[in-house]
Protein backbone atom coordinates (compact mmCIF):
# COMPACT_ATOMS: atom_id res chain seq x y z
CA MET A 1 -0.01 -0.03 -0.03
CA LYS A 2 1.33 3.21 -1.10
CA LYS A 3 1.61 5.97 1.74
CA LEU A 4 2.58 9.60 2.20
CA ILE A 5 5.14 10.02 4.95
CA GLY A 6 5.42 13.62 5.99
CA TYR A 7 8.24 15.31 7.62
CA ALA A 8 8.46 18.87 9.23
CA ARG A 9 11.24 20.60 10.97
CA VAL A 10 11.70 23.88 12.94
CA SER A 11 15.19 25.09 13.81
CA THR A 12 14.67 26.46 17.10
CA ARG A 13 12.13 25.08 20.12
CA SER A 14 10.44 28.52 19.98
CA GLN A 15 9.47 28.16 16.48
CA GLN A 16 6.15 26.14 15.50
CA ALA A 17 5.64 23.73 12.77
CA ASP A 18 2.02 24.29 12.82
CA ARG A 19 1.90 25.80 9.00
CA GLN A 20 4.06 22.89 7.92
CA ILE A 21 1.74 20.17 9.53
CA GLU A 22 -1.30 21.87 8.09
CA ASP A 23 0.15 21.93 4.58
CA LEU A 24 1.26 18.30 4.74
CA MET A 25 -2.21 17.12 5.97
CA ALA A 26 -4.04 19.04 3.38
CA ALA A 27 -1.59 17.35 0.76
CA GLY A 28 -2.95 14.00 2.26
CA VAL A 29 -0.51 12.90 4.97
CA ARG A 30 -2.34 11.21 7.72
CA ARG A 31 -1.48 12.39 11.51
CA ASP A 32 0.12 8.98 12.19
CA ASP A 33 2.56 9.31 9.32
CA LEU A 34 3.78 12.68 10.41
CA TYR A 35 7.37 13.02 11.68
CA ILE A 36 8.44 16.24 13.10
CA ASP A 37 11.84 17.64 14.49
CA HIS A 38 11.80 20.62 16.89
CA GLY A 39 14.79 22.69 17.39
CA VAL A 40 16.97 20.81 14.97
CA SER A 41 19.18 22.39 12.37
CA GLY A 42 18.98 21.44 8.75
CA ALA A 43 22.63 20.95 8.74
CA ALA A 44 22.57 18.05 11.39
CA THR A 45 23.40 14.82 10.00
CA SER A 46 21.09 12.80 12.36
CA ARG A 47 17.84 14.28 12.97
CA PRO A 48 15.44 12.02 15.15
CA GLY A 49 12.13 12.65 13.31
CA PHE A 50 13.72 12.71 9.83
CA ASP A 51 15.36 9.16 10.77
CA GLN A 52 11.98 7.91 11.76
CA ALA A 53 10.25 9.08 8.78
CA LEU A 54 13.11 7.43 6.62
CA ALA A 55 12.54 4.08 8.62
CA ALA A 56 8.81 4.24 7.96
CA LEU A 57 9.29 4.72 4.32
CA GLN A 58 8.45 1.46 2.09
CA SER A 59 9.02 0.95 -1.67
CA GLY A 60 6.08 2.84 -3.39
CA ASP A 61 5.66 5.38 -0.30
CA THR A 62 6.54 9.16 -1.02
CA LEU A 63 8.12 11.39 1.61
CA VAL A 64 6.36 14.80 1.55
CA ILE A 65 8.02 17.75 2.93
CA ALA A 66 6.37 21.35 2.81
CA THR A 67 9.57 23.37 1.63
CA LEU A 68 12.87 22.48 0.26
CA ASP A 69 14.94 23.75 3.01
CA ARG A 70 13.40 21.40 5.55
CA LEU A 71 15.18 18.73 3.65
CA GLY A 72 18.89 19.82 3.93
CA ARG A 73 21.49 22.49 3.27
CA SER A 74 23.62 21.40 0.30
CA THR A 75 22.79 20.66 -3.20
CA GLN A 76 24.95 17.50 -3.28
CA SER A 77 23.33 16.16 -0.07
CA MET A 78 19.83 16.73 -1.35
CA LEU A 79 20.55 15.19 -4.66
CA THR A 80 22.35 12.10 -3.17
CA PHE A 81 19.13 11.76 -0.89
CA ALA A 82 16.60 12.11 -3.71
CA GLN A 83 18.68 9.14 -5.54
CA GLN A 84 18.69 7.03 -2.47
CA LEU A 85 14.87 7.57 -2.37
CA ARG A 86 14.63 6.54 -6.06
CA GLU A 87 16.81 3.42 -5.35
CA ARG A 88 14.56 2.33 -2.31
CA GLY A 89 11.63 2.68 -4.66
CA ALA A 90 10.19 5.74 -2.75
CA GLY A 91 9.27 9.11 -4.22
CA LEU A 92 9.95 12.78 -2.68
CA ARG A 93 7.28 15.55 -3.05
CA VAL A 94 7.90 18.93 -2.13
CA LEU A 95 5.07 21.14 -1.52
CA ASN A 96 5.19 24.99 -2.04
CA LEU A 97 8.17 24.75 -4.42
CA GLY A 98 8.06 27.15 -7.51
CA GLY A 99 4.21 27.78 -7.08
CA GLY A 100 3.34 24.04 -6.82
CA ASP A 101 4.14 20.44 -5.98
CA VAL A 102 7.19 18.92 -7.13
CA ASP A 103 7.35 15.00 -7.37
CA THR A 104 10.70 13.54 -8.15
CA SER A 105 9.27 10.31 -9.37
CA THR A 106 8.64 12.16 -12.61
CA PRO A 107 11.42 13.21 -14.96
CA MET A 108 10.26 16.97 -15.06
CA GLY A 109 9.68 16.89 -11.04
CA SER A 110 13.44 15.43 -10.73
CA MET A 111 14.95 18.28 -13.00
CA VAL A 112 12.74 21.08 -11.06
CA PHE A 113 14.05 19.67 -7.80
CA THR A 114 17.65 19.52 -9.01
CA VAL A 115 17.29 23.21 -10.04
CA MET A 116 15.70 24.32 -7.01
CA ALA A 117 18.12 22.45 -4.73
CA ALA A 118 21.15 24.40 -6.48
CA LEU A 119 19.11 27.76 -5.81
CA ALA A 120 18.61 26.92 -2.22
CA GLN A 121 22.23 26.22 -1.73
CA MET A 122 23.03 29.55 -3.51
CA GLU A 123 20.64 31.48 -1.41
CA LEU A 124 22.17 29.95 1.70
CA ASP A 125 25.75 30.62 0.70
CA ILE A 126 24.75 34.41 -0.15
CA LYS A 127 23.09 34.82 3.10
CA ARG A 128 26.13 33.54 5.00
CA GLU A 129 28.37 36.00 2.85
CA ARG A 130 26.21 38.82 3.82
CA ILE A 131 26.19 37.98 7.56
CA THR A 132 29.88 37.60 7.54
CA ASP A 133 30.33 40.93 5.76
CA SER A 134 28.07 42.65 8.12
CA VAL A 135 29.67 41.39 11.36
CA ALA A 136 33.22 42.43 9.76
CA LYS A 137 32.01 45.84 8.90
CA ARG A 138 30.38 46.32 12.26
CA ARG A 139 33.35 45.06 14.20
CA ALA A 140 35.83 47.23 12.27
CA ALA A 141 33.44 50.21 13.18
CA GLY A 142 33.54 49.34 16.76
CA LYS A 143 29.75 48.73 16.70
CA ASP A 144 27.54 46.25 18.74
CA LEU A 145 27.45 42.88 17.15
CA GLY A 146 24.07 42.00 18.69
CA GLY A 147 23.78 38.74 20.27
CA ARG A 148 22.40 37.92 23.76
CA ARG A 149 21.95 41.16 26.01
CA ARG A 150 23.41 41.47 29.36
CA ALA A 151 21.23 40.00 31.97
CA PHE A 152 22.36 42.68 34.61
CA THR A 153 22.91 46.48 34.46
CA ASP A 154 26.30 48.04 35.39
CA SER A 155 24.53 49.29 38.48
CA GLN A 156 23.26 45.89 39.62
CA VAL A 157 26.81 44.63 39.10
CA ARG A 158 28.36 47.29 41.13
CA SER A 159 25.70 46.78 43.95
CA ALA A 160 26.43 42.85 43.99
CA MET A 161 30.10 43.71 44.23
CA LYS A 162 29.69 45.94 47.06
CA LEU A 163 27.47 43.21 48.91
CA ILE A 164 30.20 40.62 48.27
CA ASP A 165 32.94 42.84 49.47
CA ALA A 166 30.85 43.46 52.70
CA GLY A 167 30.80 39.60 53.02
CA GLU A 168 27.01 39.08 52.09
CA PRO A 169 25.94 35.94 50.39
C-alpha cells in the first residue's frame, strides 16, 4: 500500500511547525504518518524525526515535505538523498516549490528539484556571505554585534560587588 510520509522541521524550540503540519495534512498525509523535529538544524546529519520518517518509508511510499529547506542545506546532499529514495523505490514530493508541488518520481519533477536544490544552496551561501560581511564591517566600526543582551545592568553588578565585598552571600 502506497503511503504519504510527512516530515516537518523547525530550527529552534521556540518556532512552531503548525503551518508545515497543516500543509502536509492538506496534501493527504495522515497524522500517524507525520514526523517532526523541533529545534534541529537542517545541517545536522542526524535528526530523530527525519530518521523515523525514513525508517517508515517503504517501496512505493512518498516522503512529503512542505519546503525544500526542510530537507537539507547542500545541493549535493539533497541530490544524493533524492537518488537514495529512487533506489529504494520511494518518491519525494516537495510542496510550495515554485508555485506548486514537485514530485521527483517524474522526469520533470526531478529536473525542477535539481535546479531548486542548487538555488536553495546559493541562497544560503549568499546569506552567509552577507552576515559575515556585516559582522566584519560592524566589528571594524566598533559597533555592537548584537547577540544576547546582558542580564544585569552595570548598576546591578556594582551593587552585587559591594555586597560581596561586605561579606554578604
